[in-house]
Amino acid sequence: MAFASVKKVAEADFPTRWGHFRILGFEGVKPEAKCGENALPEVEGLVALVMGDVHSTAPLVRIHSQCLTGDVFHSLRCDCRLQLELALSKIVDAGAGILLYEQQEGRGIGLMAKLKAYELQDQGLDTVEANEELGFEADCRAYELPGAVLKLLDVNKVRLITNNPDKVAALETAGIAVVERVSAEVAPEETFERYLKTKQEKMGHIVDTLVSDE
């Protein structure tokens, strides 16, 4: 879905325990859309952490969807925080790169719906089945805004840190060349092994350490 407008709203210095970044805030306005039975917001925010020279060669880029439970509370129901830290470490090690942090909690269904999905998972449903039981698609996210932001940053080719082929396809469709897919795989914990297996088997994620039983 095309955004009617994308603009930078703020930029500041941003030291972190991984290294020194610039933090940039962007907003994209899009036509109202629906995911399953549920309306999505018309304005989407995105934060970009930028380090080093991202123009002389294809930079490392991570598109990370907001996960309050994982990123903030260190939940072990998912691998989100571990992937976030892996991406930041890779960018710092490379000396340059961009982390794009999207406000798409719970694969786009929002925080309260995500907690309802947790409740259903406790009753035996997997992460895909829980979303669908709540009237959502398995994955409600879209990645047009990251593509638009990369273009605003004058970045037209990237090395994308992801296990999700949909992110690669979305950037390519937006005119951003993905010259390399860099694995975002982390060591699985017993608490989220089923979650990873579901993403591998039902959503096509590339997870080399898990093998389907089918």
C-alpha atoms as a PDB file:
ATOM      1  CA  MET A   1       0.000   0.000   0.000  1.00  0.00           C
ATOM      2  CA  ALA A   2       1.472   3.315  -1.075  1.00  0.00           C
ATOM      3  CA  PHE A   3       1.958   6.069   1.485  1.00  0.00           C
ATOM      4  CA  ALA A   4       0.487   9.442   0.624  1.00  0.00           C
ATOM      5  CA  SER A   5       3.470  11.128   2.266  1.00  0.00           C
ATOM      6  CA  VAL A   6       6.551  10.220   4.267  1.00  0.00           C
ATOM      7  CA  LYS A   7       8.474  12.835   6.215  1.00  0.00           C
ATOM      8  CA  LYS A   8      11.289  13.087   8.717  1.00  0.00           C
ATOM      9  CA  VAL A   9      10.027  14.689  11.923  1.00  0.00           C
ATOM     10  CA  ALA A  10      13.143  14.626  14.132  1.00  0.00           C
ATOM     11  CA  GLU A  11      16.854  13.786  14.272  1.00  0.00           C
ATOM     12  CA  ALA A  12      19.241  13.672  17.235  1.00  0.00           C
ATOM     13  CA  ASP A  13      22.466  12.262  18.603  1.00  0.00           C
ATOM     14  CA  PHE A  14      21.950   8.806  20.135  1.00  0.00           C
ATOM     15  CA  PRO A  15      24.673   7.029  22.147  1.00  0.00           C
ATOM     16  CA  THR A  16      23.846   3.434  23.105  1.00  0.00           C
ATOM     17  CA  ARG A  17      25.665   0.615  24.876  1.00  0.00           C
ATOM     18  CA  TRP A  18      26.336  -0.906  21.436  1.00  0.00           C
ATOM     19  CA  GLY A  19      27.752   2.249  19.903  1.00  0.00           C
ATOM     20  CA  HIS A  20      27.028   5.785  18.714  1.00  0.00           C
ATOM     21  CA  PHE A  21      24.088   6.327  16.343  1.00  0.00           C
ATOM     22  CA  ARG A  22      21.945   9.113  14.992  1.00  0.00           C
ATOM     23  CA  ILE A  23      18.258   8.582  15.767  1.00  0.00           C
ATOM     24  CA  LEU A  24      15.734   9.780  13.183  1.00  0.00           C
ATOM     25  CA  GLY A  25      11.944   9.790  13.442  1.00  0.00           C
ATOM     26  CA  PHE A  26       9.695   9.387  10.395  1.00  0.00           C
ATOM     27  CA  GLU A  27       5.950   9.370   9.835  1.00  0.00           C
ATOM     28  CA  GLY A  28       4.089   7.940   6.875  1.00  0.00           C
ATOM     29  CA  VAL A  29       0.454   8.673   6.052  1.00  0.00           C
ATOM     30  CA  LYS A  30      -1.385   5.925   4.202  1.00  0.00           C
ATOM     31  CA  PRO A  31      -4.952   5.249   3.097  1.00  0.00           C
ATOM     32  CA  GLU A  32      -7.027   3.317   5.635  1.00  0.00           C
ATOM     33  CA  ALA A  33      -6.553  -0.432   5.233  1.00  0.00           C
ATOM     34  CA  LYS A  34      -7.923  -3.558   6.837  1.00  0.00           C
ATOM     35  CA  CYS A  35      -6.127  -6.659   8.027  1.00  0.00           C
ATOM     36  CA  GLY A  36      -8.672  -9.444   8.337  1.00  0.00           C
ATOM     37  CA  GLU A  37     -11.650  -7.865  10.112  1.00  0.00           C
ATOM     38  CA  ASN A  38      -9.650  -5.117  11.804  1.00  0.00           C
ATOM     39  CA  ALA A  39      -8.789  -1.606  10.624  1.00  0.00           C
ATOM     40  CA  LEU A  40      -5.189  -0.463  10.710  1.00  0.00           C
ATOM     41  CA  PRO A  41      -4.152   3.100  11.637  1.00  0.00           C
ATOM     42  CA  GLU A  42      -3.662   5.663   8.907  1.00  0.00           C
ATOM     43  CA  VAL A  43      -0.423   7.126  10.306  1.00  0.00           C
ATOM     44  CA  GLU A  44       2.570   4.904  10.936  1.00  0.00           C
ATOM     45  CA  GLY A  45       5.712   5.917  12.775  1.00  0.00           C
ATOM     46  CA  LEU A  46       9.208   4.561  12.221  1.00  0.00           C
ATOM     47  CA  VAL A  47      12.491   5.159  14.024  1.00  0.00           C
ATOM     48  CA  ALA A  48      15.820   4.800  12.226  1.00  0.00           C
ATOM     49  CA  LEU A  49      19.121   4.283  14.017  1.00  0.00           C
ATOM     50  CA  VAL A  50      21.891   5.218  11.583  1.00  0.00           C
ATOM     51  CA  MET A  51      25.609   4.609  12.090  1.00  0.00           C
ATOM     52  CA  GLY A  52      28.558   5.507   9.886  1.00  0.00           C
ATOM     53  CA  ASP A  53      28.789   5.846   6.105  1.00  0.00           C
ATOM     54  CA  VAL A  54      25.722   4.172   4.611  1.00  0.00           C
ATOM     55  CA  HIS A  55      26.323   5.365   1.056  1.00  0.00           C
ATOM     56  CA  SER A  56      29.749   4.168  -0.095  1.00  0.00           C
ATOM     57  CA  THR A  57      28.607   0.524  -0.130  1.00  0.00           C
ATOM     58  CA  ALA A  58      25.416  -1.409   0.544  1.00  0.00           C
ATOM     59  CA  PRO A  59      24.892  -1.013   4.305  1.00  0.00           C
ATOM     60  CA  LEU A  60      23.618  -3.593   6.745  1.00  0.00           C
ATOM     61  CA  VAL A  61      19.914  -2.909   7.367  1.00  0.00           C
ATOM     62  CA  ARG A  62      17.510  -4.464   9.836  1.00  0.00           C
ATOM     63  CA  ILE A  63      13.731  -3.901   9.680  1.00  0.00           C
ATOM     64  CA  HIS A  64      12.577  -4.649  13.220  1.00  0.00           C
ATOM     65  CA  SER A  65       8.941  -4.709  14.282  1.00  0.00           C
ATOM     66  CA  GLN A  66       8.196  -3.301  17.723  1.00  0.00           C
ATOM     67  CA  CYS A  67       7.870  -5.977  20.414  1.00  0.00           C
ATOM     68  CA  LEU A  68       7.211  -4.473  23.839  1.00  0.00           C
ATOM     69  CA  THR A  69       7.168  -7.860  25.542  1.00  0.00           C
ATOM     70  CA  GLY A  70      10.469  -8.953  24.037  1.00  0.00           C
ATOM     71  CA  ASP A  71      12.394  -5.728  23.458  1.00  0.00           C
ATOM     72  CA  VAL A  72      11.513  -4.127  26.810  1.00  0.00           C
ATOM     73  CA  PHE A  73      10.497  -6.946  29.174  1.00  0.00           C
ATOM     74  CA  HIS A  74      12.940  -9.566  27.807  1.00  0.00           C
ATOM     75  CA  SER A  75      10.172 -12.076  27.071  1.00  0.00           C
ATOM     76  CA  LEU A  76      11.308 -15.553  26.081  1.00  0.00           C
ATOM     77  CA  ARG A  77       8.081 -16.314  24.244  1.00  0.00           C
ATOM     78  CA  CYS A  78       9.784 -14.965  21.101  1.00  0.00           C
ATOM     79  CA  ASP A  79      13.223 -14.235  19.675  1.00  0.00           C
ATOM     80  CA  CYS A  80      12.566 -10.539  18.998  1.00  0.00           C
ATOM     81  CA  ARG A  81      14.930  -8.981  21.537  1.00  0.00           C
ATOM     82  CA  LEU A  82      17.698 -11.416  20.653  1.00  0.00           C
ATOM     83  CA  GLN A  83      17.306 -10.494  16.974  1.00  0.00           C
ATOM     84  CA  LEU A  84      17.328  -6.780  17.829  1.00  0.00           C
ATOM     85  CA  GLU A  85      20.554  -7.121  19.784  1.00  0.00           C
ATOM     86  CA  LEU A  86      22.095  -9.313  17.090  1.00  0.00           C
ATOM     87  CA  ALA A  87      21.331  -6.691  14.434  1.00  0.00           C
ATOM     88  CA  LEU A  88      22.739  -3.823  16.490  1.00  0.00           C
ATOM     89  CA  SER A  89      25.894  -5.814  17.175  1.00  0.00           C
ATOM     90  CA  LYS A  90      26.346  -6.644  13.487  1.00  0.00           C
ATOM     91  CA  ILE A  91      25.912  -2.985  12.508  1.00  0.00           C
ATOM     92  CA  VAL A  92      28.432  -1.836  15.123  1.00  0.00           C
ATOM     93  CA  ASP A  93      30.918  -4.537  14.078  1.00  0.00           C
ATOM     94  CA  ALA A  94      30.586  -3.388  10.457  1.00  0.00           C
ATOM     95  CA  GLY A  95      30.980   0.269  11.485  1.00  0.00           C
ATOM     96  CA  ALA A  96      27.942   1.318   9.484  1.00  0.00           C
ATOM     97  CA  GLY A  97      24.312   0.393   9.031  1.00  0.00           C
ATOM     98  CA  ILE A  98      20.677   1.223   9.664  1.00  0.00           C
ATOM     99  CA  LEU A  99      18.123  -0.243  12.037  1.00  0.00           C
ATOM    100  CA  LEU A 100      14.538   0.591  11.054  1.00  0.00           C
ATOM    101  CA  TYR A 101      12.177   0.128  14.011  1.00  0.00           C
ATOM    102  CA  GLU A 102       8.531  -0.062  12.964  1.00  0.00           C
ATOM    103  CA  GLN A 103       5.517   0.374  15.229  1.00  0.00           C
ATOM    104  CA  GLN A 104       3.925  -2.920  14.200  1.00  0.00           C
ATOM    105  CA  GLU A 105       3.438  -4.695  17.525  1.00  0.00           C
ATOM    106  CA  GLY A 106       2.391  -8.335  17.363  1.00  0.00           C
ATOM    107  CA  ARG A 107       3.069  -8.652  13.628  1.00  0.00           C
ATOM    108  CA  GLY A 108       0.773  -5.668  13.105  1.00  0.00           C
ATOM    109  CA  ILE A 109      -2.217  -6.592  15.287  1.00  0.00           C
ATOM    110  CA  GLY A 110      -1.396  -4.301  18.236  1.00  0.00           C
ATOM    111  CA  LEU A 111      -0.401  -4.931  21.827  1.00  0.00           C
ATOM    112  CA  MET A 112      -3.760  -5.848  23.383  1.00  0.00           C
ATOM    113  CA  ALA A 113      -4.603  -8.253  20.552  1.00  0.00           C
ATOM    114  CA  LYS A 114      -1.130  -9.744  20.898  1.00  0.00           C
ATOM    115  CA  LEU A 115      -1.783 -10.436  24.588  1.00  0.00           C
ATOM    116  CA  LYS A 116      -5.088 -12.077  23.644  1.00  0.00           C
ATOM    117  CA  ALA A 117      -3.112 -14.192  21.184  1.00  0.00           C
ATOM    118  CA  TYR A 118      -0.763 -15.188  24.014  1.00  0.00           C
ATOM    119  CA  GLU A 119      -3.805 -16.345  25.984  1.00  0.00           C
ATOM    120  CA  LEU A 120      -4.937 -18.497  23.074  1.00  0.00           C
ATOM    121  CA  GLN A 121      -1.430 -19.900  22.677  1.00  0.00           C
ATOM    122  CA  ASP A 122      -1.530 -20.927  26.351  1.00  0.00           C
ATOM    123  CA  GLN A 123      -4.635 -22.934  25.413  1.00  0.00           C
ATOM    124  CA  GLY A 124      -2.753 -24.806  22.683  1.00  0.00           C
ATOM    125  CA  LEU A 125      -2.957 -22.696  19.514  1.00  0.00           C
ATOM    126  CA  ASP A 126       0.231 -21.742  17.703  1.00  0.00           C
ATOM    127  CA  THR A 127       1.088 -18.139  16.858  1.00  0.00           C
ATOM    128  CA  VAL A 128      -0.563 -18.276  13.416  1.00  0.00           C
ATOM    129  CA  GLU A 129      -3.715 -20.029  14.642  1.00  0.00           C
ATOM    130  CA  ALA A 130      -4.086 -17.530  17.489  1.00  0.00           C
ATOM    131  CA  ASN A 131      -3.961 -14.520  15.162  1.00  0.00           C
ATOM    132  CA  GLU A 132      -6.499 -16.103  12.829  1.00  0.00           C
ATOM    133  CA  GLU A 133      -8.802 -17.023  15.720  1.00  0.00           C
ATOM    134  CA  LEU A 134      -8.872 -13.315  16.628  1.00  0.00           C
ATOM    135  CA  GLY A 135      -9.923 -12.368  13.086  1.00  0.00           C
ATOM    136  CA  PHE A 136      -6.491 -11.291  11.831  1.00  0.00           C
ATOM    137  CA  GLU A 137      -4.225 -12.607   9.151  1.00  0.00           C
ATOM    138  CA  ALA A 138      -1.178 -14.596  10.274  1.00  0.00           C
ATOM    139  CA  ASP A 139       0.977 -11.526   9.578  1.00  0.00           C
ATOM    140  CA  CYS A 140      -0.569  -8.060   9.216  1.00  0.00           C
ATOM    141  CA  ARG A 141       2.680  -6.201   8.660  1.00  0.00           C
ATOM    142  CA  ALA A 142       3.639  -4.201   5.578  1.00  0.00           C
ATOM    143  CA  TYR A 143       7.053  -2.848   4.708  1.00  0.00           C
ATOM    144  CA  GLU A 144       6.374   0.016   2.318  1.00  0.00           C
ATOM    145  CA  LEU A 145       7.379   2.591   4.930  1.00  0.00           C
ATOM    146  CA  PRO A 146      10.895   1.159   5.458  1.00  0.00           C
ATOM    147  CA  GLY A 147      11.396   1.214   1.695  1.00  0.00           C
ATOM    148  CA  ALA A 148      10.261   4.833   1.502  1.00  0.00           C
ATOM    149  CA  VAL A 149      12.521   5.832   4.409  1.00  0.00           C
ATOM    150  CA  LEU A 150      15.542   4.164   2.813  1.00  0.00           C
ATOM    151  CA  LYS A 151      14.878   6.182  -0.326  1.00  0.00           C
ATOM    152  CA  LEU A 152      14.676   9.384   1.749  1.00  0.00           C
ATOM    153  CA  LEU A 153      18.055   8.428   3.193  1.00  0.00           C
ATOM    154  CA  ASP A 154      19.351   7.967  -0.375  1.00  0.00           C
ATOM    155  CA  VAL A 155      20.020   4.274   0.230  1.00  0.00           C
ATOM    156  CA  ASN A 156      19.105   2.180  -2.810  1.00  0.00           C
ATOM    157  CA  LYS A 157      20.839  -1.117  -2.044  1.00  0.00           C
ATOM    158  CA  VAL A 158      21.212  -2.981   1.235  1.00  0.00           C
ATOM    159  CA  ARG A 159      22.448  -6.094   2.976  1.00  0.00           C
ATOM    160  CA  LEU A 160      19.287  -7.067   4.817  1.00  0.00           C
ATOM    161  CA  ILE A 161      19.446  -8.774   8.216  1.00  0.00           C
ATOM    162  CA  THR A 162      16.374 -11.023   8.181  1.00  0.00           C
ATOM    163  CA  ASN A 163      15.005 -14.551   8.142  1.00  0.00           C
ATOM    164  CA  ASN A 164      11.761 -13.346   6.539  1.00  0.00           C
ATOM    165  CA  PRO A 165      11.548 -13.578   2.722  1.00  0.00           C
ATOM    166  CA  ASP A 166       8.590 -11.141   2.756  1.00  0.00           C
ATOM    167  CA  LYS A 167      10.907  -8.332   3.870  1.00  0.00           C
ATOM    168  CA  VAL A 168      13.302  -9.044   1.016  1.00  0.00           C
ATOM    169  CA  ALA A 169      10.448  -9.090  -1.502  1.00  0.00           C
ATOM    170  CA  ALA A 170       8.915  -5.882  -0.115  1.00  0.00           C
ATOM    171  CA  LEU A 171      12.152  -3.910  -0.424  1.00  0.00           C
ATOM    172  CA  GLU A 172      12.785  -5.237  -3.922  1.00  0.00           C
ATOM    173  CA  THR A 173       9.247  -4.188  -4.909  1.00  0.00           C
ATOM    174  CA  ALA A 174       9.948  -0.726  -3.466  1.00  0.00           C
ATOM    175  CA  GLY A 175      13.029  -0.407  -5.681  1.00  0.00           C
ATOM    176  CA  ILE A 176      15.607  -1.177  -2.992  1.00  0.00           C
ATOM    177  CA  ALA A 177      18.101  -3.818  -4.177  1.00  0.00           C
ATOM    178  CA  VAL A 178      18.789  -6.493  -1.550  1.00  0.00           C
ATOM    179  CA  VAL A 179      22.300  -7.555  -2.544  1.00  0.00           C
ATOM    180  CA  GLU A 180      22.619  -9.993   0.370  1.00  0.00           C
ATOM    181  CA  ARG A 181      20.368 -11.569   2.972  1.00  0.00           C
ATOM    182  CA  VAL A 182      22.208 -11.771   6.281  1.00  0.00           C
ATOM    183  CA  SER A 183      20.809 -14.330   8.720  1.00  0.00           C
ATOM    184  CA  ALA A 184      19.037 -13.035  11.816  1.00  0.00           C
ATOM    185  CA  GLU A 185      18.924 -16.482  13.356  1.00  0.00           C
ATOM    186  CA  VAL A 186      19.617 -16.748  17.072  1.00  0.00           C
ATOM    187  CA  ALA A 187      20.129 -19.750  19.318  1.00  0.00           C
ATOM    188  CA  PRO A 188      16.660 -21.141  20.084  1.00  0.00           C
ATOM    189  CA  GLU A 189      15.396 -21.279  23.645  1.00  0.00           C
ATOM    190  CA  GLU A 190      13.038 -24.065  24.689  1.00  0.00           C
ATOM    191  CA  THR A 191      10.418 -21.415  25.510  1.00  0.00           C
ATOM    192  CA  PHE A 192      10.188 -20.188  21.904  1.00  0.00           C
ATOM    193  CA  GLU A 193      11.236 -23.215  19.880  1.00  0.00           C
ATOM    194  CA  ARG A 194       7.626 -23.962  18.846  1.00  0.00           C
ATOM    195  CA  TYR A 195       7.184 -20.304  17.887  1.00  0.00           C
ATOM    196  CA  LEU A 196      10.217 -20.479  15.578  1.00  0.00           C
ATOM    197  CA  LYS A 197       9.081 -23.765  14.097  1.00  0.00           C
ATOM    198  CA  THR A 198       5.654 -22.298  13.302  1.00  0.00           C
ATOM    199  CA  LYS A 199       7.275 -19.323  11.560  1.00  0.00           C
ATOM    200  CA  GLN A 200       9.439 -21.726   9.571  1.00  0.00           C
ATOM    201  CA  GLU A 201       6.674 -24.144   8.573  1.00  0.00           C
ATOM    202  CA  LYS A 202       3.683 -21.800   8.147  1.00  0.00           C
ATOM    203  CA  MET A 203       5.260 -18.432   7.265  1.00  0.00           C
ATOM    204  CA  GLY A 204       8.289 -19.457   5.226  1.00  0.00           C
ATOM    205  CA  HIS A 205      10.944 -18.008   7.536  1.00  0.00           C
ATOM    206  CA  ILE A 206      14.448 -19.311   6.933  1.00  0.00           C
ATOM    207  CA  VAL A 207      15.545 -21.024  10.152  1.00  0.00           C
ATOM    208  CA  ASP A 208      18.420 -23.412   9.560  1.00  0.00           C
ATOM    209  CA  THR A 209      18.628 -24.923  13.042  1.00  0.00           C
ATOM    210  CA  LEU A 210      15.021 -26.169  13.021  1.00  0.00           C
ATOM    211  CA  VAL A 211      13.844 -28.940  10.755  1.00  0.00           C
ATOM    212  CA  SER A 212      10.209 -29.646   9.965  1.00  0.00           C
ATOM    213  CA  ASP A 213       8.770 -32.970  11.179  1.00  0.00           C
ATOM    214  CA  GLU A 214       6.589 -33.134   8.081  1.00  0.00           C
END
